[in-house]
Amino acid sequence: MLRAPLFAIALLGVTSCATIINDSGQIINVSASNGKPVEGTINGIPFKGPVPVTVQRAKAALDIKSTTEGCAPVTTVKSETSGVFWLNIILGGFFGSTTDYASGDMWKYDQNVIISCDL
């Protein structure tokens, strides 16, 4: 009958929340639709692309502001719930999911962001 407690301990050992699996930052690849270099800011942080940029996970959408002539001045990237969060609800329950929500690590952005630019 020792198997049930060992199984429970093992199950707790493999359950993780998005806070542990997801980093608080996420890398997104920013590029222009015309394949040319693009410049701008993401949350006030400058970038020159195409480039991978690390952004903080959050529920709020990202506004990528381009200063490159002929490109859309603002590209909005909405966040969505990470699949790891749903797995955590199933395996970890209320406490892990609450931590994920409070930390913001339950959110993710599209990995590739393309700024619309003239050819």
PDB file of N, CA and C in Angstrom:
ATOM      1  N   MET A   1       0.806  -1.198   0.000  1.00  0.00           N
ATOM      2  CA  MET A   1       0.000   0.000   0.000  1.00  0.00           C
ATOM      3  C   MET A   1       0.851   1.265   0.000  1.00  0.00           C
ATOM      4  N   LEU A   2       2.131   1.104  -0.036  1.00  0.00           N
ATOM      5  CA  LEU A   2       3.049   2.230  -0.069  1.00  0.00           C
ATOM      6  C   LEU A   2       3.062   2.896  -1.442  1.00  0.00           C
ATOM      7  N   ARG A   3       2.515   2.215  -2.432  1.00  0.00           N
ATOM      8  CA  ARG A   3       2.554   2.735  -3.804  1.00  0.00           C
ATOM      9  C   ARG A   3       1.740   4.012  -3.975  1.00  0.00           C
ATOM     10  N   ALA A   4       0.602   4.122  -3.354  1.00  0.00           N
ATOM     11  CA  ALA A   4      -0.253   5.303  -3.512  1.00  0.00           C
ATOM     12  C   ALA A   4       0.453   6.575  -3.047  1.00  0.00           C
ATOM     13  N   PRO A   5       1.068   6.586  -1.846  1.00  0.00           N
ATOM     14  CA  PRO A   5       1.781   7.810  -1.440  1.00  0.00           C
ATOM     15  C   PRO A   5       2.976   8.121  -2.341  1.00  0.00           C
ATOM     16  N   LEU A   6       3.689   7.100  -2.781  1.00  0.00           N
ATOM     17  CA  LEU A   6       4.821   7.334  -3.679  1.00  0.00           C
ATOM     18  C   LEU A   6       4.356   7.897  -5.009  1.00  0.00           C
ATOM     19  N   PHE A   7       3.232   7.383  -5.502  1.00  0.00           N
ATOM     20  CA  PHE A   7       2.666   7.898  -6.749  1.00  0.00           C
ATOM     21  C   PHE A   7       2.275   9.362  -6.587  1.00  0.00           C
ATOM     22  N   ALA A   8       1.666   9.704  -5.466  1.00  0.00           N
ATOM     23  CA  ALA A   8       1.255  11.097  -5.219  1.00  0.00           C
ATOM     24  C   ALA A   8       2.466  12.019  -5.160  1.00  0.00           C
ATOM     25  N   ILE A   9       3.527  11.565  -4.498  1.00  0.00           N
ATOM     26  CA  ILE A   9       4.749  12.380  -4.417  1.00  0.00           C
ATOM     27  C   ILE A   9       5.376  12.541  -5.798  1.00  0.00           C
ATOM     28  N   ALA A  10       5.400  11.463  -6.561  1.00  0.00           N
ATOM     29  CA  ALA A  10       5.950  11.526  -7.922  1.00  0.00           C
ATOM     30  C   ALA A  10       5.130  12.469  -8.787  1.00  0.00           C
ATOM     31  N   LEU A  11       3.816  12.423  -8.649  1.00  0.00           N
ATOM     32  CA  LEU A  11       2.947  13.300  -9.439  1.00  0.00           C
ATOM     33  C   LEU A  11       3.195  14.758  -9.098  1.00  0.00           C
ATOM     34  N   LEU A  12       3.353  15.047  -7.823  1.00  0.00           N
ATOM     35  CA  LEU A  12       3.656  16.423  -7.424  1.00  0.00           C
ATOM     36  C   LEU A  12       5.002  16.875  -7.954  1.00  0.00           C
ATOM     37  N   GLY A  13       5.937  15.945  -8.059  1.00  0.00           N
ATOM     38  CA  GLY A  13       7.265  16.277  -8.557  1.00  0.00           C
ATOM     39  C   GLY A  13       7.288  16.639 -10.023  1.00  0.00           C
ATOM     40  N   VAL A  14       6.361  16.095 -10.812  1.00  0.00           N
ATOM     41  CA  VAL A  14       6.367  16.382 -12.246  1.00  0.00           C
ATOM     42  C   VAL A  14       5.402  17.492 -12.625  1.00  0.00           C
ATOM     43  N   THR A  15       4.548  17.931 -11.710  1.00  0.00           N
ATOM     44  CA  THR A  15       3.645  19.025 -12.039  1.00  0.00           C
ATOM     45  C   THR A  15       4.406  20.325 -11.902  1.00  0.00           C
ATOM     46  N   SER A  16       4.302  21.150 -12.893  1.00  0.00           N
ATOM     47  CA  SER A  16       4.980  22.441 -12.887  1.00  0.00           C
ATOM     48  C   SER A  16       4.005  23.490 -13.363  1.00  0.00           C
ATOM     49  N   CYS A  17       4.251  24.691 -12.987  1.00  0.00           N
ATOM     50  CA  CYS A  17       3.399  25.765 -13.453  1.00  0.00           C
ATOM     51  C   CYS A  17       4.120  26.558 -14.537  1.00  0.00           C
ATOM     52  N   ALA A  18       3.377  27.365 -15.239  1.00  0.00           N
ATOM     53  CA  ALA A  18       3.960  28.161 -16.319  1.00  0.00           C
ATOM     54  C   ALA A  18       5.047  29.082 -15.796  1.00  0.00           C
ATOM     55  N   THR A  19       4.959  29.463 -14.530  1.00  0.00           N
ATOM     56  CA  THR A  19       5.978  30.320 -13.941  1.00  0.00           C
ATOM     57  C   THR A  19       7.333  29.629 -13.945  1.00  0.00           C
ATOM     58  N   ILE A  20       7.338  28.312 -13.785  1.00  0.00           N
ATOM     59  CA  ILE A  20       8.586  27.558 -13.792  1.00  0.00           C
ATOM     60  C   ILE A  20       9.005  27.237 -15.220  1.00  0.00           C
ATOM     61  N   ILE A  21       8.061  26.801 -16.046  1.00  0.00           N
ATOM     62  CA  ILE A  21       8.378  26.381 -17.409  1.00  0.00           C
ATOM     63  C   ILE A  21       8.581  27.583 -18.331  1.00  0.00           C
ATOM     64  N   ASN A  22       7.678  28.549 -18.272  1.00  0.00           N
ATOM     65  CA  ASN A  22       7.802  29.761 -19.092  1.00  0.00           C
ATOM     66  C   ASN A  22       8.703  30.749 -18.377  1.00  0.00           C
ATOM     67  N   ASP A  23       9.605  31.343 -19.098  1.00  0.00           N
ATOM     68  CA  ASP A  23      10.405  32.428 -18.564  1.00  0.00           C
ATOM     69  C   ASP A  23       9.504  33.656 -18.500  1.00  0.00           C
ATOM     70  N   SER A  24       9.817  34.630 -17.656  1.00  0.00           N
ATOM     71  CA  SER A  24       8.982  35.830 -17.605  1.00  0.00           C
ATOM     72  C   SER A  24       9.157  36.667 -18.869  1.00  0.00           C
ATOM     73  N   GLY A  25      10.248  36.432 -19.583  1.00  0.00           N
ATOM     74  CA  GLY A  25      10.459  37.080 -20.863  1.00  0.00           C
ATOM     75  C   GLY A  25      10.209  36.098 -21.995  1.00  0.00           C
ATOM     76  N   GLN A  26       9.828  36.617 -23.141  1.00  0.00           N
ATOM     77  CA  GLN A  26       9.608  35.786 -24.317  1.00  0.00           C
ATOM     78  C   GLN A  26      10.308  36.422 -25.506  1.00  0.00           C
ATOM     79  N   ILE A  27      10.929  35.595 -26.319  1.00  0.00           N
ATOM     80  CA  ILE A  27      11.594  36.094 -27.520  1.00  0.00           C
ATOM     81  C   ILE A  27      10.604  36.092 -28.672  1.00  0.00           C
ATOM     82  N   ILE A  28      10.479  37.251 -29.322  1.00  0.00           N
ATOM     83  CA  ILE A  28       9.675  37.345 -30.545  1.00  0.00           C
ATOM     84  C   ILE A  28      10.604  37.819 -31.663  1.00  0.00           C
ATOM     85  N   ASN A  29      10.343  37.341 -32.856  1.00  0.00           N
ATOM     86  CA  ASN A  29      11.132  37.733 -34.025  1.00  0.00           C
ATOM     87  C   ASN A  29      10.381  38.825 -34.767  1.00  0.00           C
ATOM     88  N   VAL A  30      10.983  39.993 -34.883  1.00  0.00           N
ATOM     89  CA  VAL A  30      10.347  41.136 -35.538  1.00  0.00           C
ATOM     90  C   VAL A  30      11.011  41.359 -36.888  1.00  0.00           C
ATOM     91  N   SER A  31      10.182  41.429 -37.937  1.00  0.00           N
ATOM     92  CA  SER A  31      10.710  41.674 -39.280  1.00  0.00           C
ATOM     93  C   SER A  31       9.697  42.491 -40.075  1.00  0.00           C
ATOM     94  N   ALA A  32      10.123  42.972 -41.242  1.00  0.00           N
ATOM     95  CA  ALA A  32       9.264  43.760 -42.132  1.00  0.00           C
ATOM     96  C   ALA A  32       8.711  42.865 -43.231  1.00  0.00           C
ATOM     97  N   SER A  33       7.508  43.175 -43.677  1.00  0.00           N
ATOM     98  CA  SER A  33       6.859  42.371 -44.714  1.00  0.00           C
ATOM     99  C   SER A  33       7.599  42.437 -46.042  1.00  0.00           C
ATOM    100  N   ASN A  34       8.371  43.509 -46.274  1.00  0.00           N
ATOM    101  CA  ASN A  34       9.102  43.644 -47.528  1.00  0.00           C
ATOM    102  C   ASN A  34      10.526  43.070 -47.441  1.00  0.00           C
ATOM    103  N   GLY A  35      10.888  42.506 -46.306  1.00  0.00           N
ATOM    104  CA  GLY A  35      12.205  41.895 -46.138  1.00  0.00           C
ATOM    105  C   GLY A  35      13.332  42.886 -45.883  1.00  0.00           C
ATOM    106  N   LYS A  36      13.012  44.170 -45.811  1.00  0.00           N
ATOM    107  CA  LYS A  36      14.037  45.199 -45.577  1.00  0.00           C
ATOM    108  C   LYS A  36      14.191  45.468 -44.082  1.00  0.00           C
ATOM    109  N   PRO A  37      15.258  46.157 -43.702  1.00  0.00           N
ATOM    110  CA  PRO A  37      15.429  46.508 -42.284  1.00  0.00           C
ATOM    111  C   PRO A  37      14.287  47.384 -41.783  1.00  0.00           C
ATOM    112  N   VAL A  38      13.975  47.240 -40.514  1.00  0.00           N
ATOM    113  CA  VAL A  38      12.914  48.014 -39.881  1.00  0.00           C
ATOM    114  C   VAL A  38      13.398  48.437 -38.492  1.00  0.00           C
ATOM    115  N   GLU A  39      13.024  49.653 -38.095  1.00  0.00           N
ATOM    116  CA  GLU A  39      13.407  50.187 -36.786  1.00  0.00           C
ATOM    117  C   GLU A  39      12.177  50.650 -36.045  1.00  0.00           C
ATOM    118  N   GLY A  40      12.311  50.696 -34.724  1.00  0.00           N
ATOM    119  CA  GLY A  40      11.216  51.192 -33.913  1.00  0.00           C
ATOM    120  C   GLY A  40      11.440  50.914 -32.449  1.00  0.00           C
ATOM    121  N   THR A  41      10.329  50.859 -31.710  1.00  0.00           N
ATOM    122  CA  THR A  41      10.387  50.572 -30.282  1.00  0.00           C
ATOM    123  C   THR A  41       9.301  49.577 -29.904  1.00  0.00           C
ATOM    124  N   ILE A  42       9.609  48.805 -28.880  1.00  0.00           N
ATOM    125  CA  ILE A  42       8.621  47.921 -28.260  1.00  0.00           C
ATOM    126  C   ILE A  42       8.616  48.278 -26.782  1.00  0.00           C
ATOM    127  N   ASN A  43       7.490  48.804 -26.331  1.00  0.00           N
ATOM    128  CA  ASN A  43       7.385  49.279 -24.945  1.00  0.00           C
ATOM    129  C   ASN A  43       8.516  50.243 -24.592  1.00  0.00           C
ATOM    130  N   GLY A  44       8.858  51.109 -25.538  1.00  0.00           N
ATOM    131  CA  GLY A  44       9.887  52.122 -25.315  1.00  0.00           C
ATOM    132  C   GLY A  44      11.319  51.650 -25.512  1.00  0.00           C
ATOM    133  N   ILE A  45      11.516  50.365 -25.794  1.00  0.00           N
ATOM    134  CA  ILE A  45      12.859  49.828 -25.987  1.00  0.00           C
ATOM    135  C   ILE A  45      13.146  49.767 -27.488  1.00  0.00           C
ATOM    136  N   PRO A  46      14.209  50.434 -27.962  1.00  0.00           N
ATOM    137  CA  PRO A  46      14.490  50.478 -29.395  1.00  0.00           C
ATOM    138  C   PRO A  46      14.955  49.129 -29.949  1.00  0.00           C
ATOM    139  N   PHE A  47      14.643  48.904 -31.220  1.00  0.00           N
ATOM    140  CA  PHE A  47      15.123  47.707 -31.925  1.00  0.00           C
ATOM    141  C   PHE A  47      15.423  48.070 -33.370  1.00  0.00           C
ATOM    142  N   LYS A  48      16.294  47.295 -34.006  1.00  0.00           N
ATOM    143  CA  LYS A  48      16.583  47.372 -35.432  1.00  0.00           C
ATOM    144  C   LYS A  48      16.490  45.951 -35.953  1.00  0.00           C
ATOM    145  N   GLY A  49      15.550  45.731 -36.864  1.00  0.00           N
ATOM    146  CA  GLY A  49      15.300  44.352 -37.305  1.00  0.00           C
ATOM    147  C   GLY A  49      15.616  44.140 -38.759  1.00  0.00           C
ATOM    148  N   PRO A  50      15.570  42.924 -39.201  1.00  0.00           N
ATOM    149  CA  PRO A  50      14.961  41.813 -38.476  1.00  0.00           C
ATOM    150  C   PRO A  50      15.838  41.375 -37.312  1.00  0.00           C
ATOM    151  N   VAL A  51      15.162  41.130 -36.175  1.00  0.00           N
ATOM    152  CA  VAL A  51      15.906  40.815 -34.962  1.00  0.00           C
ATOM    153  C   VAL A  51      14.997  40.088 -33.971  1.00  0.00           C
ATOM    154  N   PRO A  52      15.566  39.172 -33.183  1.00  0.00           N
ATOM    155  CA  PRO A  52      14.795  38.638 -32.059  1.00  0.00           C
ATOM    156  C   PRO A  52      14.828  39.640 -30.901  1.00  0.00           C
ATOM    157  N   VAL A  53      13.668  39.866 -30.292  1.00  0.00           N
ATOM    158  CA  VAL A  53      13.546  40.828 -29.196  1.00  0.00           C
ATOM    159  C   VAL A  53      12.911  40.113 -28.009  1.00  0.00           C
ATOM    160  N   THR A  54      13.455  40.331 -26.824  1.00  0.00           N
ATOM    161  CA  THR A  54      12.868  39.757 -25.617  1.00  0.00           C
ATOM    162  C   THR A  54      11.880  40.754 -25.028  1.00  0.00           C
ATOM    163  N   VAL A  55      10.647  40.288 -24.829  1.00  0.00           N
ATOM    164  CA  VAL A  55       9.590  41.118 -24.235  1.00  0.00           C
ATOM    165  C   VAL A  55       9.085  40.426 -22.976  1.00  0.00           C
ATOM    166  N   GLN A  56       8.515  41.203 -22.080  1.00  0.00           N
ATOM    167  CA  GLN A  56       7.938  40.643 -20.863  1.00  0.00           C
ATOM    168  C   GLN A  56       6.542  40.106 -21.156  1.00  0.00           C
ATOM    169  N   ARG A  57       6.258  38.912 -20.670  1.00  0.00           N
ATOM    170  CA  ARG A  57       4.932  38.319 -20.837  1.00  0.00           C
ATOM    171  C   ARG A  57       3.934  39.135 -20.023  1.00  0.00           C
ATOM    172  N   ALA A  58       2.773  39.371 -20.607  1.00  0.00           N
ATOM    173  CA  ALA A  58       1.722  40.110 -19.914  1.00  0.00           C
ATOM    174  C   ALA A  58       0.404  39.888 -20.647  1.00  0.00           C
ATOM    175  N   LYS A  59      -0.681  40.186 -19.975  1.00  0.00           N
ATOM    176  CA  LYS A  59      -2.003  40.079 -20.598  1.00  0.00           C
ATOM    177  C   LYS A  59      -2.189  41.181 -21.638  1.00  0.00           C
ATOM    178  N   ALA A  60      -1.581  42.317 -21.402  1.00  0.00           N
ATOM    179  CA  ALA A  60      -1.733  43.469 -22.290  1.00  0.00           C
ATOM    180  C   ALA A  60      -1.089  43.210 -23.647  1.00  0.00           C
ATOM    181  N   ALA A  61      -1.684  43.760 -24.676  1.00  0.00           N
ATOM    182  CA  ALA A  61      -1.126  43.658 -26.029  1.00  0.00           C
ATOM    183  C   ALA A  61       0.156  44.480 -26.111  1.00  0.00           C
ATOM    184  N   LEU A  62       1.040  44.072 -27.022  1.00  0.00           N
ATOM    185  CA  LEU A  62       2.255  44.836 -27.294  1.00  0.00           C
ATOM    186  C   LEU A  62       1.984  45.794 -28.442  1.00  0.00           C
ATOM    187  N   ASP A  63       2.407  47.019 -28.310  1.00  0.00           N
ATOM    188  CA  ASP A  63       2.358  47.966 -29.415  1.00  0.00           C
ATOM    189  C   ASP A  63       3.779  48.146 -29.921  1.00  0.00           C
ATOM    190  N   ILE A  64       4.024  47.634 -31.118  1.00  0.00           N
ATOM    191  CA  ILE A  64       5.337  47.786 -31.743  1.00  0.00           C
ATOM    192  C   ILE A  64       5.253  49.013 -32.628  1.00  0.00           C
ATOM    193  N   LYS A  65       6.036  50.022 -32.298  1.00  0.00           N
ATOM    194  CA  LYS A  65       6.012  51.285 -33.044  1.00  0.00           C
ATOM    195  C   LYS A  65       7.187  51.319 -33.994  1.00  0.00           C
ATOM    196  N   SER A  66       6.877  51.487 -35.272  1.00  0.00           N
ATOM    197  CA  SER A  66       7.916  51.540 -36.296  1.00  0.00           C
ATOM    198  C   SER A  66       8.206  52.990 -36.672  1.00  0.00           C
ATOM    199  N   THR A  67       9.499  53.304 -36.821  1.00  0.00           N
ATOM    200  CA  THR A  67       9.910  54.633 -37.276  1.00  0.00           C
ATOM    201  C   THR A  67      10.426  54.573 -38.713  1.00  0.00           C
ATOM    202  N   THR A  68      10.321  53.401 -39.347  1.00  0.00           N
ATOM    203  CA  THR A  68      10.797  53.222 -40.717  1.00  0.00           C
ATOM    204  C   THR A  68       9.750  53.750 -41.694  1.00  0.00           C
ATOM    205  N   GLU A  69      10.198  54.608 -42.596  1.00  0.00           N
ATOM    206  CA  GLU A  69       9.296  55.188 -43.588  1.00  0.00           C
ATOM    207  C   GLU A  69       8.682  54.086 -44.452  1.00  0.00           C
ATOM    208  N   GLY A  70       7.369  54.210 -44.685  1.00  0.00           N
ATOM    209  CA  GLY A  70       6.659  53.243 -45.512  1.00  0.00           C
ATOM    210  C   GLY A  70       6.133  52.036 -44.755  1.00  0.00           C
ATOM    211  N   CYS A  71       6.409  51.973 -43.462  1.00  0.00           N
ATOM    212  CA  CYS A  71       5.922  50.860 -42.631  1.00  0.00           C
ATOM    213  C   CYS A  71       4.788  51.346 -41.725  1.00  0.00           C
ATOM    214  N   ALA A  72       3.932  50.422 -41.343  1.00  0.00           N
ATOM    215  CA  ALA A  72       2.833  50.752 -40.432  1.00  0.00           C
ATOM    216  C   ALA A  72       3.423  51.371 -39.159  1.00  0.00           C
ATOM    217  N   PRO A  73       2.865  52.498 -38.723  1.00  0.00           N
ATOM    218  CA  PRO A  73       3.425  53.158 -37.546  1.00  0.00           C
ATOM    219  C   PRO A  73       3.271  52.334 -36.259  1.00  0.00           C
ATOM    220  N   VAL A  74       2.195  51.542 -36.173  1.00  0.00           N
ATOM    221  CA  VAL A  74       1.969  50.717 -34.992  1.00  0.00           C
ATOM    222  C   VAL A  74       1.471  49.343 -35.423  1.00  0.00           C
ATOM    223  N   THR A  75       2.084  48.316 -34.878  1.00  0.00           N
ATOM    224  CA  THR A  75       1.630  46.938 -35.068  1.00  0.00           C
ATOM    225  C   THR A  75       1.299  46.399 -33.685  1.00  0.00           C
ATOM    226  N   THR A  76       0.050  45.997 -33.497  1.00  0.00           N
ATOM    227  CA  THR A  76      -0.390  45.493 -32.199  1.00  0.00           C
ATOM    228  C   THR A  76      -0.344  43.967 -32.196  1.00  0.00           C
ATOM    229  N   VAL A  77       0.269  43.428 -31.157  1.00  0.00           N
ATOM    230  CA  VAL A  77       0.383  41.978 -30.990  1.00  0.00           C
ATOM    231  C   VAL A  77      -0.377  41.614 -29.721  1.00  0.00           C
ATOM    232  N   LYS A  78      -1.468  40.884 -29.876  1.00  0.00           N
ATOM    233  CA  LYS A  78      -2.283  40.483 -28.721  1.00  0.00           C
ATOM    234  C   LYS A  78      -1.657  39.280 -28.023  1.00  0.00           C
ATOM    235  N   SER A  79      -1.883  39.209 -26.726  1.00  0.00           N
ATOM    236  CA  SER A  79      -1.408  38.047 -25.972  1.00  0.00           C
ATOM    237  C   SER A  79      -2.511  36.998 -25.936  1.00  0.00           C
ATOM    238  N   GLU A  80      -2.102  35.771 -25.713  1.00  0.00           N
ATOM    239  CA  GLU A  80      -3.058  34.684 -25.540  1.00  0.00           C
ATOM    240  C   GLU A  80      -2.555  33.792 -24.420  1.00  0.00           C
ATOM    241  N   THR A  81      -3.426  32.941 -23.939  1.00  0.00           N
ATOM    242  CA  THR A  81      -3.062  32.064 -22.838  1.00  0.00           C
ATOM    243  C   THR A  81      -2.131  30.969 -23.321  1.00  0.00           C
ATOM    244  N   SER A  82      -1.057  30.766 -22.594  1.00  0.00           N
ATOM    245  CA  SER A  82      -0.085  29.730 -22.918  1.00  0.00           C
ATOM    246  C   SER A  82      -0.679  28.349 -22.648  1.00  0.00           C
ATOM    247  N   GLY A  83      -0.351  27.382 -23.502  1.00  0.00           N
ATOM    248  CA  GLY A  83      -0.814  26.011 -23.309  1.00  0.00           C
ATOM    249  C   GLY A  83      -0.316  25.409 -22.014  1.00  0.00           C
ATOM    250  N   VAL A  84       0.849  25.865 -21.552  1.00  0.00           N
ATOM    251  CA  VAL A  84       1.408  25.364 -20.295  1.00  0.00           C
ATOM    252  C   VAL A  84       0.484  25.715 -19.128  1.00  0.00           C
ATOM    253  N   PHE A  85      -0.179  26.863 -19.216  1.00  0.00           N
ATOM    254  CA  PHE A  85      -1.108  27.269 -18.156  1.00  0.00           C
ATOM    255  C   PHE A  85      -2.247  26.264 -18.027  1.00  0.00           C
ATOM    256  N   TRP A  86      -2.815  25.850 -19.167  1.00  0.00           N
ATOM    257  CA  TRP A  86      -3.934  24.892 -19.126  1.00  0.00           C
ATOM    258  C   TRP A  86      -3.476  23.544 -18.602  1.00  0.00           C
ATOM    259  N   LEU A  87      -2.278  23.135 -18.957  1.00  0.00           N
ATOM    260  CA  LEU A  87      -1.730  21.893 -18.432  1.00  0.00           C
ATOM    261  C   LEU A  87      -1.572  21.997 -16.916  1.00  0.00           C
ATOM    262  N   ASN A  88      -1.162  23.160 -16.450  1.00  0.00           N
ATOM    263  CA  ASN A  88      -0.993  23.360 -15.018  1.00  0.00           C
ATOM    264  C   ASN A  88      -2.321  23.279 -14.271  1.00  0.00           C
ATOM    265  N   ILE A  89      -3.390  23.780 -14.855  1.00  0.00           N
ATOM    266  CA  ILE A  89      -4.699  23.682 -14.198  1.00  0.00           C
ATOM    267  C   ILE A  89      -5.072  22.213 -14.015  1.00  0.00           C
ATOM    268  N   ILE A  90      -4.798  21.416 -15.036  1.00  0.00           N
ATOM    269  CA  ILE A  90      -5.127  19.992 -14.963  1.00  0.00           C
ATOM    270  C   ILE A  90      -4.248  19.282 -13.939  1.00  0.00           C
ATOM    271  N   LEU A  91      -2.936  19.549 -13.974  1.00  0.00           N
ATOM    272  CA  LEU A  91      -2.007  18.825 -13.109  1.00  0.00           C
ATOM    273  C   LEU A  91      -1.759  19.501 -11.760  1.00  0.00           C
ATOM    274  N   GLY A  92      -1.704  20.813 -11.760  1.00  0.00           N
ATOM    275  CA  GLY A  92      -1.299  21.516 -10.544  1.00  0.00           C
ATOM    276  C   GLY A  92      -2.441  22.143  -9.773  1.00  0.00           C
ATOM    277  N   GLY A  93      -3.551  22.378 -10.443  1.00  0.00           N
ATOM    278  CA  GLY A  93      -4.708  22.912  -9.748  1.00  0.00           C
ATOM    279  C   GLY A  93      -4.655  24.402  -9.488  1.00  0.00           C
ATOM    280  N   PHE A  94      -5.406  24.788  -8.489  1.00  0.00           N
ATOM    281  CA  PHE A  94      -5.668  26.189  -8.184  1.00  0.00           C
ATOM    282  C   PHE A  94      -4.409  26.981  -7.836  1.00  0.00           C
ATOM    283  N   PHE A  95      -3.547  26.436  -6.981  1.00  0.00           N
ATOM    284  CA  PHE A  95      -2.410  27.221  -6.487  1.00  0.00           C
ATOM    285  C   PHE A  95      -1.417  27.570  -7.591  1.00  0.00           C
ATOM    286  N   GLY A  96      -1.082  26.602  -8.422  1.00  0.00           N
ATOM    287  CA  GLY A  96      -0.151  26.871  -9.513  1.00  0.00           C
ATOM    288  C   GLY A  96      -0.717  27.839 -10.520  1.00  0.00           C
ATOM    289  N   SER A  97      -1.997  27.684 -10.844  1.00  0.00           N
ATOM    290  CA  SER A  97      -2.603  28.574 -11.836  1.00  0.00           C
ATOM    291  C   SER A  97      -2.730  29.996 -11.299  1.00  0.00           C
ATOM    292  N   THR A  98      -2.950  30.129 -10.008  1.00  0.00           N
ATOM    293  CA  THR A  98      -3.014  31.462  -9.398  1.00  0.00           C
ATOM    294  C   THR A  98      -1.654  32.147  -9.480  1.00  0.00           C
ATOM    295  N   THR A  99      -0.597  31.397  -9.241  1.00  0.00           N
ATOM    296  CA  THR A  99       0.761  31.940  -9.348  1.00  0.00           C
ATOM    297  C   THR A  99       1.036  32.394 -10.771  1.00  0.00           C
ATOM    298  N   ASP A 100       0.639  31.567 -11.751  1.00  0.00           N
ATOM    299  CA  ASP A 100       0.842  31.920 -13.160  1.00  0.00           C
ATOM    300  C   ASP A 100       0.111  33.208 -13.506  1.00  0.00           C
ATOM    301  N   TYR A 101      -1.112  33.352 -13.019  1.00  0.00           N
ATOM    302  CA  TYR A 101      -1.899  34.549 -13.313  1.00  0.00           C
ATOM    303  C   TYR A 101      -1.259  35.776 -12.676  1.00  0.00           C
ATOM    304  N   ALA A 102      -0.865  35.653 -11.423  1.00  0.00           N
ATOM    305  CA  ALA A 102      -0.301  36.794 -10.693  1.00  0.00           C
ATOM    306  C   ALA A 102       1.033  37.239 -11.285  1.00  0.00           C
ATOM    307  N   SER A 103       1.831  36.291 -11.763  1.00  0.00           N
ATOM    308  CA  SER A 103       3.150  36.630 -12.300  1.00  0.00           C
ATOM    309  C   SER A 103       3.095  37.102 -13.750  1.00  0.00           C
ATOM    310  N   GLY A 104       2.000  36.793 -14.450  1.00  0.00           N
ATOM    311  CA  GLY A 104       1.893  37.145 -15.869  1.00  0.00           C
ATOM    312  C   GLY A 104       2.485  36.099 -16.791  1.00  0.00           C
ATOM    313  N   ASP A 105       3.046  35.028 -16.227  1.00  0.00           N
ATOM    314  CA  ASP A 105       3.707  34.009 -17.035  1.00  0.00           C
ATOM    315  C   ASP A 105       2.735  33.092 -17.768  1.00  0.00           C
ATOM    316  N   MET A 106       1.445  33.273 -17.562  1.00  0.00           N
ATOM    317  CA  MET A 106       0.462  32.445 -18.253  1.00  0.00           C
ATOM    318  C   MET A 106       0.188  32.942 -19.681  1.00  0.00           C
ATOM    319  N   TRP A 107       0.773  34.077 -20.045  1.00  0.00           N
ATOM    320  CA  TRP A 107       0.497  34.691 -21.342  1.00  0.00           C
ATOM    321  C   TRP A 107       1.631  34.442 -22.321  1.00  0.00           C
ATOM    322  N   LYS A 108       1.318  34.515 -23.612  1.00  0.00           N
ATOM    323  CA  LYS A 108       2.349  34.422 -24.644  1.00  0.00           C
ATOM    324  C   LYS A 108       1.930  35.279 -25.834  1.00  0.00           C
ATOM    325  N   TYR A 109       2.922  35.640 -26.631  1.00  0.00           N
ATOM    326  CA  TYR A 109       2.709  36.413 -27.856  1.00  0.00           C
ATOM    327  C   TYR A 109       3.087  35.543 -29.048  1.00  0.00           C
ATOM    328  N   ASP A 110       2.621  35.932 -30.243  1.00  0.00           N
ATOM    329  CA  ASP A 110       3.069  35.235 -31.448  1.00  0.00           C
ATOM    330  C   ASP A 110       4.588  35.303 -31.494  1.00  0.00           C
ATOM    331  N   GLN A 111       5.193  34.224 -31.904  1.00  0.00           N
ATOM    332  CA  GLN A 111       6.662  34.160 -31.940  1.00  0.00           C
ATOM    333  C   GLN A 111       7.232  35.010 -33.073  1.00  0.00           C
ATOM    334  N   ASN A 112       6.507  35.102 -34.186  1.00  0.00           N
ATOM    335  CA  ASN A 112       6.974  35.882 -35.337  1.00  0.00           C
ATOM    336  C   ASN A 112       6.010  37.035 -35.586  1.00  0.00           C
ATOM    337  N   VAL A 113       6.551  38.251 -35.557  1.00  0.00           N
ATOM    338  CA  VAL A 113       5.760  39.450 -35.798  1.00  0.00           C
ATOM    339  C   VAL A 113       6.279  40.124 -37.058  1.00  0.00           C
ATOM    340  N   ILE A 114       5.370  40.346 -37.994  1.00  0.00           N
ATOM    341  CA  ILE A 114       5.754  40.979 -39.265  1.00  0.00           C
ATOM    342  C   ILE A 114       5.081  42.347 -39.339  1.00  0.00           C
ATOM    343  N   ILE A 115       5.899  43.370 -39.469  1.00  0.00           N
ATOM    344  CA  ILE A 115       5.411  44.737 -39.597  1.00  0.00           C
ATOM    345  C   ILE A 115       5.104  44.970 -41.082  1.00  0.00           C
ATOM    346  N   SER A 116       3.910  45.452 -41.335  1.00  0.00           N
ATOM    347  CA  SER A 116       3.479  45.706 -42.719  1.00  0.00           C
ATOM    348  C   SER A 116       4.204  46.928 -43.293  1.00  0.00           C
ATOM    349  N   CYS A 117       4.905  46.711 -44.405  1.00  0.00           N
ATOM    350  CA  CYS A 117       5.676  47.788 -45.047  1.00  0.00           C
ATOM    351  C   CYS A 117       5.432  47.769 -46.544  1.00  0.00           C
ATOM    352  N   ASP A 118       5.564  48.938 -47.174  1.00  0.00           N
ATOM    353  CA  ASP A 118       5.450  49.049 -48.635  1.00  0.00           C
ATOM    354  C   ASP A 118       6.630  48.332 -49.282  1.00  0.00           C
ATOM    355  N   LEU A 119       6.400  47.864 -50.489  1.00  0.00           N
ATOM    356  CA  LEU A 119       7.499  47.221 -51.222  1.00  0.00           C
ATOM    357  C   LEU A 119       8.400  48.259 -51.742  1.00  0.00           C
TER     358      LEU A 119
END
